N, C-alpha and C. Protein backbone atom coordinates (compact mmCIF):
# COMPACT_ATOMS: atom_id res chain seq x y z
N MET A 1 42.05 14.05 2.59
CA MET A 1 40.97 14.76 1.92
C MET A 1 40.00 13.78 1.25
N LYS A 2 40.52 12.79 0.51
CA LYS A 2 39.66 11.83 -0.17
C LYS A 2 38.90 10.98 0.84
N LYS A 3 39.57 10.61 1.91
CA LYS A 3 38.93 9.78 2.93
C LYS A 3 37.79 10.54 3.60
N LYS A 4 37.99 11.81 3.88
CA LYS A 4 36.98 12.64 4.50
C LYS A 4 35.77 12.79 3.57
N THR A 5 35.99 13.01 2.29
CA THR A 5 34.92 13.13 1.31
C THR A 5 34.14 11.82 1.21
N LEU A 6 34.86 10.71 1.21
CA LEU A 6 34.23 9.40 1.13
C LEU A 6 33.34 9.14 2.35
N ILE A 7 33.81 9.53 3.52
CA ILE A 7 33.03 9.36 4.75
C ILE A 7 31.77 10.21 4.71
N ILE A 8 31.88 11.43 4.21
CA ILE A 8 30.70 12.32 4.11
C ILE A 8 29.68 11.73 3.13
N ILE A 9 30.13 11.28 1.98
CA ILE A 9 29.23 10.70 0.98
C ILE A 9 28.57 9.44 1.52
N ALA A 10 29.34 8.60 2.18
CA ALA A 10 28.79 7.37 2.75
C ALA A 10 27.75 7.69 3.83
N SER A 11 28.02 8.70 4.63
CA SER A 11 27.07 9.11 5.67
C SER A 11 25.77 9.61 5.06
N ILE A 12 25.86 10.36 3.99
CA ILE A 12 24.66 10.87 3.32
C ILE A 12 23.85 9.71 2.73
N VAL A 13 24.52 8.76 2.11
CA VAL A 13 23.83 7.60 1.53
C VAL A 13 23.13 6.79 2.62
N VAL A 14 23.79 6.56 3.73
CA VAL A 14 23.19 5.81 4.84
C VAL A 14 21.99 6.57 5.39
N PHE A 15 22.12 7.88 5.54
CA PHE A 15 21.02 8.70 6.04
C PHE A 15 19.81 8.61 5.12
N ILE A 16 20.03 8.71 3.83
CA ILE A 16 18.93 8.63 2.86
C ILE A 16 18.27 7.25 2.90
N ALA A 17 19.08 6.22 2.98
CA ALA A 17 18.55 4.85 3.03
C ALA A 17 17.71 4.63 4.29
N LEU A 18 18.22 5.07 5.43
CA LEU A 18 17.48 4.91 6.68
C LEU A 18 16.20 5.74 6.68
N SER A 19 16.28 6.97 6.21
CA SER A 19 15.10 7.84 6.15
C SER A 19 14.02 7.23 5.25
N SER A 20 14.44 6.71 4.11
CA SER A 20 13.49 6.09 3.18
C SER A 20 12.83 4.87 3.81
N SER A 21 13.61 4.06 4.48
CA SER A 21 13.07 2.86 5.12
C SER A 21 12.06 3.22 6.21
N ILE A 22 12.38 4.20 7.01
CA ILE A 22 11.47 4.63 8.07
C ILE A 22 10.19 5.20 7.47
N TYR A 23 10.32 6.00 6.41
CA TYR A 23 9.16 6.58 5.74
C TYR A 23 8.24 5.49 5.20
N VAL A 24 8.80 4.51 4.53
CA VAL A 24 7.99 3.42 3.95
C VAL A 24 7.36 2.58 5.05
N PHE A 25 8.09 2.26 6.11
CA PHE A 25 7.54 1.46 7.20
C PHE A 25 6.38 2.19 7.87
N ALA A 26 6.59 3.45 8.23
CA ALA A 26 5.53 4.22 8.89
C ALA A 26 4.34 4.44 7.96
N GLY A 27 4.62 4.71 6.70
CA GLY A 27 3.55 4.92 5.73
C GLY A 27 2.74 3.66 5.48
N THR A 28 3.40 2.52 5.46
CA THR A 28 2.71 1.25 5.28
C THR A 28 1.76 0.99 6.44
N LYS A 29 2.20 1.25 7.64
CA LYS A 29 1.34 1.07 8.81
C LYS A 29 0.14 2.03 8.75
N ASN A 30 0.38 3.27 8.33
CA ASN A 30 -0.70 4.24 8.21
C ASN A 30 -1.69 3.83 7.12
N ALA A 31 -1.17 3.37 5.98
CA ALA A 31 -2.04 2.94 4.88
C ALA A 31 -2.90 1.75 5.31
N GLU A 32 -2.31 0.82 6.03
CA GLU A 32 -3.06 -0.34 6.51
C GLU A 32 -4.14 0.09 7.50
N LYS A 33 -3.82 1.04 8.35
CA LYS A 33 -4.79 1.57 9.32
C LYS A 33 -5.96 2.24 8.59
N LEU A 34 -5.63 3.07 7.58
CA LEU A 34 -6.68 3.72 6.78
C LEU A 34 -7.55 2.69 6.07
N MET A 35 -6.94 1.63 5.56
CA MET A 35 -7.69 0.59 4.86
C MET A 35 -8.64 -0.12 5.81
N TRP A 36 -8.16 -0.44 7.01
CA TRP A 36 -9.04 -1.08 7.99
C TRP A 36 -10.20 -0.17 8.37
N GLU A 37 -9.95 1.12 8.55
CA GLU A 37 -11.01 2.06 8.86
C GLU A 37 -12.05 2.11 7.74
N TYR A 38 -11.57 2.11 6.50
CA TYR A 38 -12.44 2.11 5.33
C TYR A 38 -13.31 0.85 5.31
N LEU A 39 -12.68 -0.30 5.53
CA LEU A 39 -13.42 -1.57 5.51
C LEU A 39 -14.41 -1.67 6.67
N GLU A 40 -14.01 -1.21 7.85
CA GLU A 40 -14.91 -1.25 9.00
C GLU A 40 -16.11 -0.34 8.79
N ALA A 41 -15.90 0.80 8.13
CA ALA A 41 -17.01 1.71 7.82
C ALA A 41 -18.00 1.06 6.85
N LYS A 42 -17.53 0.13 6.05
CA LYS A 42 -18.39 -0.61 5.12
C LYS A 42 -18.99 -1.86 5.76
N GLY A 43 -18.69 -2.11 7.04
CA GLY A 43 -19.29 -3.21 7.76
C GLY A 43 -18.46 -4.49 7.82
N TYR A 44 -17.22 -4.45 7.37
CA TYR A 44 -16.37 -5.65 7.39
C TYR A 44 -15.62 -5.74 8.72
N THR A 45 -15.35 -6.98 9.13
CA THR A 45 -14.56 -7.24 10.33
C THR A 45 -13.32 -8.04 9.93
N THR A 46 -12.47 -8.33 10.89
CA THR A 46 -11.25 -9.09 10.60
C THR A 46 -11.56 -10.50 10.09
N GLU A 47 -12.73 -11.03 10.45
CA GLU A 47 -13.12 -12.35 9.96
C GLU A 47 -13.41 -12.34 8.46
N HIS A 48 -13.82 -11.20 7.93
CA HIS A 48 -14.15 -11.08 6.51
C HIS A 48 -12.92 -10.93 5.62
N ILE A 49 -11.80 -10.51 6.20
CA ILE A 49 -10.61 -10.17 5.42
C ILE A 49 -9.55 -11.24 5.59
N GLU A 50 -9.10 -11.79 4.47
CA GLU A 50 -8.02 -12.78 4.48
C GLU A 50 -6.66 -12.10 4.56
N ASN A 51 -6.48 -11.02 3.77
CA ASN A 51 -5.16 -10.40 3.69
C ASN A 51 -5.28 -8.96 3.17
N ILE A 52 -4.44 -8.10 3.72
CA ILE A 52 -4.26 -6.74 3.20
C ILE A 52 -2.78 -6.57 2.92
N ASP A 53 -2.46 -6.25 1.67
CA ASP A 53 -1.07 -6.10 1.25
C ASP A 53 -0.85 -4.66 0.77
N VAL A 54 0.04 -3.95 1.44
CA VAL A 54 0.32 -2.55 1.11
C VAL A 54 1.70 -2.46 0.47
N LYS A 55 1.76 -1.78 -0.67
CA LYS A 55 3.03 -1.58 -1.37
C LYS A 55 3.24 -0.09 -1.62
N HIS A 56 4.51 0.30 -1.60
CA HIS A 56 4.89 1.69 -1.85
C HIS A 56 5.82 1.74 -3.05
N SER A 57 5.74 2.83 -3.81
CA SER A 57 6.63 3.00 -4.95
C SER A 57 7.09 4.45 -5.05
N PHE A 58 8.42 4.65 -4.90
CA PHE A 58 8.97 5.98 -5.12
C PHE A 58 8.87 6.37 -6.59
N LEU A 59 8.95 5.39 -7.48
CA LEU A 59 8.83 5.65 -8.91
C LEU A 59 7.45 6.22 -9.24
N ASN A 60 6.42 5.73 -8.58
CA ASN A 60 5.08 6.27 -8.81
C ASN A 60 5.00 7.75 -8.46
N ILE A 61 5.72 8.16 -7.44
CA ILE A 61 5.74 9.59 -7.07
C ILE A 61 6.35 10.39 -8.21
N ILE A 62 7.46 9.92 -8.73
CA ILE A 62 8.15 10.62 -9.84
C ILE A 62 7.25 10.69 -11.07
N LEU A 63 6.50 9.62 -11.33
CA LEU A 63 5.63 9.56 -12.51
C LEU A 63 4.24 10.13 -12.26
N SER A 64 4.04 10.74 -11.10
CA SER A 64 2.77 11.38 -10.72
C SER A 64 1.61 10.41 -10.56
N TYR A 65 1.92 9.19 -10.12
CA TYR A 65 0.88 8.22 -9.76
C TYR A 65 0.76 8.21 -8.25
N ASN A 66 -0.24 7.49 -7.76
CA ASN A 66 -0.40 7.35 -6.31
C ASN A 66 0.71 6.45 -5.77
N GLU A 67 1.32 6.87 -4.68
CA GLU A 67 2.49 6.15 -4.17
C GLU A 67 2.14 4.87 -3.42
N TRP A 68 0.91 4.72 -2.96
CA TRP A 68 0.53 3.53 -2.19
C TRP A 68 -0.46 2.70 -2.98
N ALA A 69 -0.20 1.40 -3.06
CA ALA A 69 -1.12 0.44 -3.68
C ALA A 69 -1.50 -0.58 -2.63
N ILE A 70 -2.78 -0.83 -2.50
CA ILE A 70 -3.29 -1.74 -1.47
C ILE A 70 -4.12 -2.83 -2.15
N LYS A 71 -3.80 -4.08 -1.82
CA LYS A 71 -4.57 -5.22 -2.33
C LYS A 71 -5.28 -5.87 -1.15
N VAL A 72 -6.57 -6.09 -1.32
CA VAL A 72 -7.37 -6.72 -0.27
C VAL A 72 -7.92 -8.03 -0.81
N GLN A 73 -7.75 -9.08 -0.02
CA GLN A 73 -8.29 -10.39 -0.35
C GLN A 73 -9.30 -10.74 0.73
N TYR A 74 -10.55 -10.96 0.31
CA TYR A 74 -11.61 -11.30 1.25
C TYR A 74 -11.60 -12.80 1.53
N ALA A 75 -11.98 -13.18 2.73
CA ALA A 75 -11.95 -14.58 3.14
C ALA A 75 -12.89 -15.45 2.31
N ASP A 76 -14.04 -14.91 1.93
CA ASP A 76 -15.02 -15.71 1.18
C ASP A 76 -14.82 -15.63 -0.34
N GLU A 77 -13.77 -14.94 -0.77
CA GLU A 77 -13.49 -14.79 -2.20
C GLU A 77 -11.97 -14.82 -2.43
N PRO A 78 -11.33 -15.96 -2.19
CA PRO A 78 -9.86 -16.02 -2.23
C PRO A 78 -9.25 -15.89 -3.62
N ASN A 79 -10.04 -16.01 -4.68
CA ASN A 79 -9.49 -15.92 -6.03
C ASN A 79 -9.61 -14.54 -6.66
N ALA A 80 -9.95 -13.55 -5.86
CA ALA A 80 -10.07 -12.17 -6.37
C ALA A 80 -9.28 -11.23 -5.46
N LEU A 81 -8.58 -10.29 -6.07
CA LEU A 81 -7.87 -9.24 -5.34
C LEU A 81 -8.51 -7.90 -5.68
N TYR A 82 -8.91 -7.20 -4.66
CA TYR A 82 -9.50 -5.88 -4.83
C TYR A 82 -8.41 -4.85 -4.61
N MET A 83 -8.24 -3.96 -5.58
CA MET A 83 -7.17 -2.97 -5.54
C MET A 83 -7.70 -1.62 -5.05
N PHE A 84 -6.90 -0.99 -4.21
CA PHE A 84 -7.22 0.32 -3.68
C PHE A 84 -5.95 1.16 -3.71
N THR A 85 -6.11 2.45 -3.57
CA THR A 85 -4.98 3.36 -3.47
C THR A 85 -5.36 4.48 -2.51
N ILE A 86 -4.40 5.29 -2.15
CA ILE A 86 -4.65 6.43 -1.28
C ILE A 86 -4.42 7.70 -2.08
N LYS A 87 -5.42 8.55 -2.10
CA LYS A 87 -5.29 9.85 -2.77
C LYS A 87 -5.86 10.92 -1.85
N ASP A 88 -5.06 11.92 -1.57
CA ASP A 88 -5.45 13.01 -0.67
C ASP A 88 -5.90 12.49 0.69
N GLY A 89 -5.22 11.45 1.18
CA GLY A 89 -5.51 10.91 2.50
C GLY A 89 -6.75 10.04 2.57
N GLN A 90 -7.36 9.75 1.43
CA GLN A 90 -8.57 8.94 1.37
C GLN A 90 -8.33 7.67 0.58
N ILE A 91 -9.00 6.60 0.97
CA ILE A 91 -8.94 5.34 0.23
C ILE A 91 -9.80 5.47 -1.01
N LYS A 92 -9.23 5.09 -2.15
CA LYS A 92 -9.96 5.11 -3.43
C LYS A 92 -9.92 3.71 -4.03
N GLU A 93 -11.05 3.28 -4.58
CA GLU A 93 -11.12 1.97 -5.22
C GLU A 93 -10.37 2.02 -6.54
N GLY A 94 -9.66 0.93 -6.84
CA GLY A 94 -8.87 0.90 -8.05
C GLY A 94 -9.36 -0.09 -9.08
N GLY A 95 -9.68 -1.29 -8.67
CA GLY A 95 -10.11 -2.31 -9.61
C GLY A 95 -10.05 -3.68 -8.96
N ILE A 96 -10.29 -4.69 -9.77
CA ILE A 96 -10.34 -6.07 -9.27
C ILE A 96 -9.58 -6.95 -10.24
N SER A 97 -8.79 -7.87 -9.70
CA SER A 97 -8.12 -8.84 -10.55
C SER A 97 -8.31 -10.23 -9.94
N GLY A 98 -8.16 -11.23 -10.78
CA GLY A 98 -8.29 -12.59 -10.30
C GLY A 98 -9.03 -13.46 -11.28
N SER A 99 -9.39 -14.64 -10.83
CA SER A 99 -10.02 -15.61 -11.72
C SER A 99 -11.50 -15.80 -11.42
N VAL A 100 -12.17 -14.74 -11.01
CA VAL A 100 -13.60 -14.79 -10.71
C VAL A 100 -14.33 -14.01 -11.79
N ASP A 101 -15.43 -14.57 -12.30
CA ASP A 101 -16.23 -13.86 -13.29
C ASP A 101 -16.79 -12.59 -12.67
N LYS A 102 -16.89 -11.55 -13.49
CA LYS A 102 -17.34 -10.25 -13.01
C LYS A 102 -18.71 -10.35 -12.34
N GLU A 103 -19.58 -11.17 -12.85
CA GLU A 103 -20.92 -11.32 -12.29
C GLU A 103 -20.92 -12.01 -10.92
N ASP A 104 -19.86 -12.78 -10.66
CA ASP A 104 -19.78 -13.54 -9.41
C ASP A 104 -19.04 -12.82 -8.28
N LEU A 105 -18.56 -11.61 -8.54
CA LEU A 105 -17.84 -10.87 -7.50
C LEU A 105 -18.80 -10.49 -6.38
N LYS A 106 -18.37 -10.70 -5.15
CA LYS A 106 -19.22 -10.49 -3.99
C LYS A 106 -19.04 -9.11 -3.35
N HIS A 107 -17.90 -8.47 -3.57
CA HIS A 107 -17.59 -7.26 -2.81
C HIS A 107 -17.41 -6.03 -3.69
N LYS A 108 -17.91 -6.06 -4.91
CA LYS A 108 -17.79 -4.86 -5.75
C LYS A 108 -18.81 -3.83 -5.28
N ASN A 109 -18.40 -2.59 -5.38
CA ASN A 109 -19.27 -1.52 -4.87
C ASN A 109 -19.96 -0.80 -5.98
């Protein structure tokens, strides 16, 4: 009886872990795709972008924040990170961090 219960609990834990991993992987790819579409609509190409970093947080969902955080680093401005998020399936601007003076930012909208 105990062994059977342990196997059921272990199976549920593995299922939840795998489901979560698949959800985050697929969501990350979708968020990156949405970000590229957003940037391309603004006239940017892959040459303009140094890096796009997508992060997910289950805690943000619990706390009613946006679950996806996206950081974009432009090739011509490596000391600034532009923050974005996804809300209602749309990319939303979040802010800018880094060591560039506000007046010298090249990609603020």
